Amino acid sequence: MTNDLPEPIARYFEADRDTAFDKVLACFTDTAVVIDEGVTHRGRAAIGAWKARATRQYTYTVEPVAIASDGQREVVTGHLVGDFPGSPLDLRYAFVLDRDKIAELEIRP
């Protein structure tokens, strides 16, 4: 499935497999926004803190299984398996891209 993803999104999922959260952070613009579990994280510092916290708190893998476009966002369905409550589950990752970086990411069930 990764071959079907736009390059910035493929890079994000590839980086997310690594525990070095700075690789994920490099996928985002300086002013990017991430919304996860109903909490908004604005800017690289906040996104870095979000990712570092998630990396410390849980061990997980996510496999992209489908992609669709709603005209403004690329929506990837990812199958998430890990040591968190409710595992496994499918989440939707809605990406807004700005050239070769992620400008916005919303993760939701």
Protein backbone atom coordinates (compact mmCIF):
# COMPACT_ATOMS: atom_id res chain seq x y z
CA MET A 1 0.00 0.00 0.00
CA THR A 2 2.86 2.39 0.74
CA ASN A 3 3.68 2.62 -2.97
CA ASP A 4 0.25 4.17 -3.62
CA LEU A 5 0.74 6.97 -1.10
CA PRO A 6 1.93 10.48 -2.01
CA GLU A 7 5.61 10.82 -1.09
CA PRO A 8 5.16 13.06 2.02
CA ILE A 9 2.59 10.63 3.45
CA ALA A 10 4.72 7.58 2.67
CA ARG A 11 7.64 9.30 4.44
CA TYR A 12 5.44 9.95 7.48
CA PHE A 13 4.40 6.29 7.86
CA GLU A 14 7.99 5.14 7.23
CA ALA A 15 9.30 7.54 9.89
CA ASP A 16 6.55 6.51 12.31
CA ARG A 17 7.96 2.96 12.33
CA ASP A 18 11.12 4.32 13.95
CA THR A 19 11.25 5.28 17.62
CA ALA A 20 13.29 8.40 16.75
CA PHE A 21 10.42 10.91 16.78
CA ASP A 22 12.57 13.56 15.08
CA LYS A 23 12.17 11.66 11.80
CA VAL A 24 8.41 12.12 12.04
CA LEU A 25 8.86 15.78 12.93
CA ALA A 26 10.90 16.33 9.76
CA CYS A 27 7.80 15.40 7.71
CA PHE A 28 5.92 18.54 8.84
CA THR A 29 6.02 22.21 7.87
CA ASP A 30 7.14 24.70 10.52
CA THR A 31 3.54 25.83 11.10
CA ALA A 32 1.87 22.43 10.83
CA VAL A 33 -1.09 21.34 12.94
CA VAL A 34 -1.77 17.86 14.28
CA ILE A 35 -5.11 16.92 15.84
CA ASP A 36 -5.03 13.63 17.73
CA GLU A 37 -7.42 12.35 20.41
CA GLY A 38 -9.25 15.68 20.18
CA VAL A 39 -6.15 17.70 21.12
CA THR A 40 -4.62 20.23 18.72
CA HIS A 41 -0.84 20.53 18.51
CA ARG A 42 0.38 23.64 16.62
CA GLY A 43 3.90 24.10 15.31
CA ARG A 44 6.94 21.87 15.24
CA ALA A 45 7.71 22.13 18.98
CA ALA A 46 4.21 21.01 19.98
CA ILE A 47 4.16 18.28 17.33
CA GLY A 48 7.56 17.05 18.53
CA ALA A 49 6.30 16.89 22.11
CA TRP A 50 3.15 15.03 20.97
CA LYS A 51 5.16 12.46 19.04
CA ALA A 52 7.78 12.01 21.78
CA ARG A 53 5.01 11.42 24.35
CA ALA A 54 3.25 8.87 22.13
CA THR A 55 6.54 7.07 21.47
CA ARG A 56 7.29 6.82 25.20
CA GLN A 57 3.75 5.84 26.17
CA TYR A 58 2.93 3.13 23.60
CA THR A 59 4.52 0.58 21.34
CA TYR A 60 2.55 0.24 18.11
CA THR A 61 2.65 -0.36 14.39
CA VAL A 62 0.39 1.16 11.77
CA GLU A 63 -0.15 -0.27 8.32
CA PRO A 64 -1.81 1.94 5.69
CA VAL A 65 -4.57 -0.12 4.08
CA ALA A 66 -6.53 2.39 1.95
CA ILE A 67 -6.33 5.94 0.64
CA ALA A 68 -8.98 8.32 -0.67
CA SER A 69 -9.15 12.02 -1.43
CA ASP A 70 -11.96 14.32 -0.33
CA GLY A 71 -10.73 17.08 -2.64
CA GLN A 72 -8.77 18.95 0.01
CA ARG A 73 -7.26 16.15 2.07
CA GLU A 74 -5.74 12.75 1.48
CA VAL A 75 -7.40 10.33 3.90
CA VAL A 76 -5.47 7.18 4.74
CA THR A 77 -7.03 4.34 6.69
CA GLY A 78 -4.39 2.78 8.90
CA HIS A 79 -4.63 -0.49 10.82
CA LEU A 80 -3.09 0.20 14.24
CA VAL A 81 -1.86 -2.59 16.52
CA GLY A 82 -0.10 -2.04 19.82
CA ASP A 83 -0.11 -2.02 23.60
CA PHE A 84 -2.80 0.63 23.98
CA PRO A 85 -6.43 0.27 25.08
CA GLY A 86 -8.69 -0.85 22.24
CA SER A 87 -5.94 -2.40 20.10
CA PRO A 88 -6.20 -3.28 17.29
CA LEU A 89 -8.21 -0.61 15.55
CA ASP A 90 -8.48 1.27 12.28
CA LEU A 91 -7.87 5.01 12.29
CA ARG A 92 -8.25 7.64 9.59
CA TYR A 93 -5.30 9.93 8.98
CA ALA A 94 -6.45 13.05 7.11
CA PHE A 95 -3.46 14.88 5.58
CA VAL A 96 -3.25 18.36 4.08
CA LEU A 97 -0.03 18.67 2.11
CA ASP A 98 2.09 21.71 1.35
CA ARG A 99 4.43 20.68 -1.45
CA ASP A 100 6.64 17.96 0.05
CA LYS A 101 5.61 18.42 3.69
CA ILE A 102 2.55 17.83 5.86
CA ALA A 103 0.72 21.04 6.79
CA GLU A 104 -2.08 19.36 8.71
CA LEU A 105 -2.82 15.91 10.08
CA GLU A 106 -6.00 14.85 11.84
CA ILE A 107 -6.12 11.36 13.32
CA ARG A 108 -9.54 9.99 14.19
CA PRO A 109 -11.50 6.73 14.41
